[in-house]
Amino acid sequence: LHEGIINDHTLIINTTPLGMFPNIDTYPDIPYQFISDKHLLFDLTYNPEETLFLKKGKEKRASIKNGHEMLQLQADMAYGIWNPS
């Protein structure tokens, strides 16, 4: 990845287990120096609530979001599929 790619893609999603408990000291190897307040960093991880990936984005004033809400929505949808009204 390089500056041009990061500048052109303002939504960056971590879909890896990097940063998830118990390996909380790991994070995706991307050029964080090019992250700005125009970016949204979304981490599918929800434990810990704020991973190093999200902290590094926050330091650059990017918007951040973890995967907790997605987990809840998936559970709700699965319940509805298996328990129709």
N, C-alpha and C. Protein backbone atom coordinates (compact mmCIF):
# COMPACT_ATOMS: atom_id res chain seq x y z
N LEU A 1 0.84 -1.19 0.00
CA LEU A 1 0.00 0.00 0.00
C LEU A 1 0.87 1.24 0.00
N HIS A 2 0.37 2.28 -0.63
CA HIS A 2 1.11 3.53 -0.65
C HIS A 2 0.14 4.69 -0.44
N GLU A 3 0.68 5.88 -0.37
CA GLU A 3 -0.10 7.08 -0.05
C GLU A 3 -1.30 7.26 -0.98
N GLY A 4 -1.12 7.07 -2.27
CA GLY A 4 -2.21 7.25 -3.23
C GLY A 4 -3.38 6.32 -2.96
N ILE A 5 -3.07 5.07 -2.67
CA ILE A 5 -4.14 4.10 -2.39
C ILE A 5 -4.88 4.48 -1.11
N ILE A 6 -4.15 4.84 -0.07
CA ILE A 6 -4.78 5.23 1.20
C ILE A 6 -5.63 6.48 0.99
N ASN A 7 -5.14 7.45 0.25
CA ASN A 7 -5.90 8.68 0.00
C ASN A 7 -7.17 8.42 -0.80
N ASP A 8 -7.12 7.47 -1.73
CA ASP A 8 -8.27 7.17 -2.60
C ASP A 8 -9.31 6.28 -1.94
N HIS A 9 -8.94 5.59 -0.89
CA HIS A 9 -9.85 4.64 -0.23
C HIS A 9 -10.01 5.05 1.23
N THR A 10 -11.09 5.74 1.51
CA THR A 10 -11.27 6.32 2.85
C THR A 10 -11.95 5.37 3.83
N LEU A 11 -12.42 4.23 3.37
CA LEU A 11 -12.96 3.19 4.26
C LEU A 11 -11.94 2.06 4.30
N ILE A 12 -11.42 1.80 5.50
CA ILE A 12 -10.43 0.73 5.67
C ILE A 12 -10.98 -0.22 6.72
N ILE A 13 -11.12 -1.49 6.34
CA ILE A 13 -11.74 -2.49 7.21
C ILE A 13 -10.72 -3.57 7.56
N ASN A 14 -10.57 -3.80 8.86
CA ASN A 14 -9.74 -4.91 9.33
C ASN A 14 -10.64 -6.13 9.49
N THR A 15 -10.44 -7.13 8.63
CA THR A 15 -11.22 -8.36 8.71
C THR A 15 -10.37 -9.52 9.24
N THR A 16 -9.21 -9.21 9.76
CA THR A 16 -8.29 -10.23 10.29
C THR A 16 -8.45 -10.33 11.80
N PRO A 17 -7.88 -11.37 12.42
CA PRO A 17 -7.91 -11.44 13.88
C PRO A 17 -6.81 -10.60 14.55
N LEU A 18 -6.04 -9.86 13.76
CA LEU A 18 -4.97 -9.03 14.35
C LEU A 18 -5.57 -8.03 15.33
N GLY A 19 -5.03 -8.02 16.54
CA GLY A 19 -5.49 -7.09 17.57
C GLY A 19 -6.53 -7.66 18.50
N MET A 20 -7.07 -8.83 18.16
CA MET A 20 -8.10 -9.44 18.98
C MET A 20 -7.47 -10.14 20.18
N PHE A 21 -8.17 -10.10 21.31
CA PHE A 21 -7.71 -10.76 22.52
C PHE A 21 -7.41 -12.22 22.22
N PRO A 22 -6.30 -12.78 22.65
CA PRO A 22 -5.32 -12.25 23.58
C PRO A 22 -4.14 -11.54 22.90
N ASN A 23 -4.16 -11.43 21.57
CA ASN A 23 -3.04 -10.82 20.83
C ASN A 23 -3.28 -9.33 20.60
N ILE A 24 -3.49 -8.60 21.68
CA ILE A 24 -3.89 -7.19 21.58
C ILE A 24 -2.77 -6.26 21.12
N ASP A 25 -1.55 -6.76 21.05
CA ASP A 25 -0.43 -5.91 20.62
C ASP A 25 -0.16 -6.02 19.12
N THR A 26 -1.05 -6.66 18.38
CA THR A 26 -0.87 -6.79 16.93
C THR A 26 -1.86 -5.90 16.20
N TYR A 27 -1.52 -5.54 14.98
CA TYR A 27 -2.39 -4.69 14.16
C TYR A 27 -1.96 -4.81 12.70
N PRO A 28 -2.87 -4.51 11.77
CA PRO A 28 -2.50 -4.59 10.35
C PRO A 28 -1.35 -3.64 10.01
N ASP A 29 -0.46 -4.11 9.18
CA ASP A 29 0.71 -3.33 8.77
C ASP A 29 0.35 -2.48 7.55
N ILE A 30 -0.23 -1.32 7.82
CA ILE A 30 -0.58 -0.38 6.75
C ILE A 30 0.12 0.94 7.04
N PRO A 31 0.26 1.82 6.05
CA PRO A 31 0.92 3.11 6.28
C PRO A 31 -0.02 4.10 6.99
N TYR A 32 -0.07 4.01 8.31
CA TYR A 32 -0.97 4.86 9.11
C TYR A 32 -0.65 6.34 8.97
N GLN A 33 0.56 6.68 8.54
CA GLN A 33 0.92 8.09 8.41
C GLN A 33 0.05 8.80 7.37
N PHE A 34 -0.61 8.05 6.50
CA PHE A 34 -1.46 8.66 5.47
C PHE A 34 -2.95 8.68 5.84
N ILE A 35 -3.28 8.16 7.01
CA ILE A 35 -4.67 8.18 7.49
C ILE A 35 -4.99 9.61 7.93
N SER A 36 -6.22 10.05 7.65
CA SER A 36 -6.63 11.42 8.01
C SER A 36 -8.04 11.42 8.57
N ASP A 37 -8.53 12.61 8.84
CA ASP A 37 -9.89 12.76 9.36
C ASP A 37 -10.95 12.44 8.30
N LYS A 38 -10.53 12.18 7.10
CA LYS A 38 -11.46 11.79 6.03
C LYS A 38 -11.72 10.28 6.00
N HIS A 39 -10.98 9.55 6.81
CA HIS A 39 -11.06 8.09 6.81
C HIS A 39 -12.01 7.56 7.88
N LEU A 40 -12.55 6.37 7.60
CA LEU A 40 -13.28 5.57 8.58
C LEU A 40 -12.54 4.24 8.68
N LEU A 41 -12.07 3.92 9.88
CA LEU A 41 -11.44 2.63 10.12
C LEU A 41 -12.44 1.76 10.87
N PHE A 42 -12.78 0.62 10.28
CA PHE A 42 -13.75 -0.30 10.86
C PHE A 42 -13.03 -1.60 11.17
N ASP A 43 -13.13 -2.05 12.41
CA ASP A 43 -12.47 -3.28 12.84
C ASP A 43 -13.55 -4.29 13.21
N LEU A 44 -13.59 -5.43 12.55
CA LEU A 44 -14.58 -6.44 12.89
C LEU A 44 -14.37 -7.00 14.29
N THR A 45 -13.19 -6.81 14.83
CA THR A 45 -12.90 -7.23 16.20
C THR A 45 -13.68 -6.37 17.18
N TYR A 46 -14.12 -6.99 18.27
CA TYR A 46 -14.85 -6.25 19.30
C TYR A 46 -14.26 -6.48 20.69
N ASN A 47 -13.21 -7.28 20.79
CA ASN A 47 -12.54 -7.51 22.07
C ASN A 47 -11.04 -7.52 21.82
N PRO A 48 -10.37 -6.44 22.22
CA PRO A 48 -10.84 -5.32 23.04
C PRO A 48 -11.71 -4.35 22.24
N GLU A 49 -12.42 -3.52 22.97
CA GLU A 49 -13.34 -2.56 22.34
C GLU A 49 -12.61 -1.62 21.39
N GLU A 50 -11.41 -1.22 21.78
CA GLU A 50 -10.60 -0.34 20.91
C GLU A 50 -9.24 -1.00 20.68
N THR A 51 -9.06 -1.56 19.50
CA THR A 51 -7.82 -2.25 19.14
C THR A 51 -6.73 -1.22 18.79
N LEU A 52 -5.52 -1.70 18.65
CA LEU A 52 -4.43 -0.80 18.22
C LEU A 52 -4.72 -0.23 16.84
N PHE A 53 -5.33 -1.01 15.96
CA PHE A 53 -5.74 -0.53 14.64
C PHE A 53 -6.64 0.70 14.79
N LEU A 54 -7.63 0.62 15.67
CA LEU A 54 -8.54 1.75 15.89
C LEU A 54 -7.83 2.90 16.59
N LYS A 55 -6.98 2.59 17.55
CA LYS A 55 -6.24 3.64 18.27
C LYS A 55 -5.35 4.43 17.31
N LYS A 56 -4.70 3.71 16.39
CA LYS A 56 -3.84 4.40 15.42
C LYS A 56 -4.66 5.29 14.50
N GLY A 57 -5.85 4.85 14.13
CA GLY A 57 -6.74 5.68 13.33
C GLY A 57 -7.22 6.90 14.10
N LYS A 58 -7.56 6.68 15.36
CA LYS A 58 -8.04 7.78 16.22
C LYS A 58 -6.95 8.84 16.38
N GLU A 59 -5.69 8.41 16.51
CA GLU A 59 -4.57 9.35 16.61
C GLU A 59 -4.49 10.26 15.39
N LYS A 60 -4.95 9.76 14.25
CA LYS A 60 -4.93 10.54 13.00
C LYS A 60 -6.27 11.23 12.76
N ARG A 61 -7.14 11.22 13.76
CA ARG A 61 -8.46 11.86 13.72
C ARG A 61 -9.44 11.20 12.75
N ALA A 62 -9.18 9.95 12.43
CA ALA A 62 -10.12 9.20 11.59
C ALA A 62 -11.33 8.81 12.45
N SER A 63 -12.45 8.59 11.80
CA SER A 63 -13.60 8.00 12.49
C SER A 63 -13.28 6.52 12.68
N ILE A 64 -13.73 5.96 13.81
CA ILE A 64 -13.45 4.55 14.08
C ILE A 64 -14.72 3.84 14.54
N LYS A 65 -14.78 2.54 14.27
CA LYS A 65 -15.92 1.73 14.70
C LYS A 65 -15.44 0.29 14.87
N ASN A 66 -15.88 -0.34 15.97
CA ASN A 66 -15.52 -1.75 16.16
C ASN A 66 -16.66 -2.65 15.72
N GLY A 67 -16.48 -3.96 15.83
CA GLY A 67 -17.44 -4.92 15.31
C GLY A 67 -18.54 -5.34 16.25
N HIS A 68 -18.68 -4.68 17.40
CA HIS A 68 -19.68 -5.10 18.38
C HIS A 68 -21.10 -5.02 17.84
N GLU A 69 -21.45 -3.91 17.21
CA GLU A 69 -22.81 -3.76 16.68
C GLU A 69 -23.09 -4.81 15.60
N MET A 70 -22.10 -5.08 14.76
CA MET A 70 -22.28 -6.09 13.73
C MET A 70 -22.54 -7.46 14.35
N LEU A 71 -21.82 -7.79 15.41
CA LEU A 71 -22.03 -9.05 16.12
C LEU A 71 -23.46 -9.15 16.63
N GLN A 72 -23.94 -8.07 17.24
CA GLN A 72 -25.31 -8.06 17.76
C GLN A 72 -26.34 -8.22 16.64
N LEU A 73 -26.14 -7.52 15.54
CA LEU A 73 -27.08 -7.61 14.42
C LEU A 73 -27.09 -9.01 13.81
N GLN A 74 -25.91 -9.63 13.73
CA GLN A 74 -25.84 -11.00 13.21
C GLN A 74 -26.60 -11.96 14.12
N ALA A 75 -26.44 -11.79 15.43
CA ALA A 75 -27.13 -12.65 16.39
C ALA A 75 -28.64 -12.47 16.27
N ASP A 76 -29.09 -11.23 16.15
CA ASP A 76 -30.53 -10.96 16.00
C ASP A 76 -31.07 -11.61 14.73
N MET A 77 -30.35 -11.48 13.63
CA MET A 77 -30.79 -12.07 12.37
C MET A 77 -30.82 -13.60 12.45
N ALA A 78 -29.80 -14.19 13.04
CA ALA A 78 -29.74 -15.65 13.18
C ALA A 78 -30.90 -16.14 14.04
N TYR A 79 -31.19 -15.44 15.12
CA TYR A 79 -32.31 -15.82 15.98
C TYR A 79 -33.61 -15.79 15.18
N GLY A 80 -33.80 -14.75 14.38
CA GLY A 80 -35.01 -14.63 13.57
C GLY A 80 -35.14 -15.74 12.54
N ILE A 81 -34.02 -16.16 11.97
CA ILE A 81 -34.04 -17.25 10.98
C ILE A 81 -34.44 -18.57 11.64
N TRP A 82 -33.87 -18.83 12.81
CA TRP A 82 -34.11 -20.12 13.47
C TRP A 82 -35.35 -20.13 14.36
N ASN A 83 -35.92 -18.97 14.61
CA ASN A 83 -37.11 -18.86 15.46
C ASN A 83 -38.13 -17.94 14.79
N PRO A 84 -38.67 -18.36 13.65
CA PRO A 84 -39.62 -17.48 12.95
C PRO A 84 -40.88 -17.26 13.79
N SER A 85 -41.46 -16.07 13.63
CA SER A 85 -42.66 -15.79 14.42
C SER A 85 -43.90 -16.34 13.77
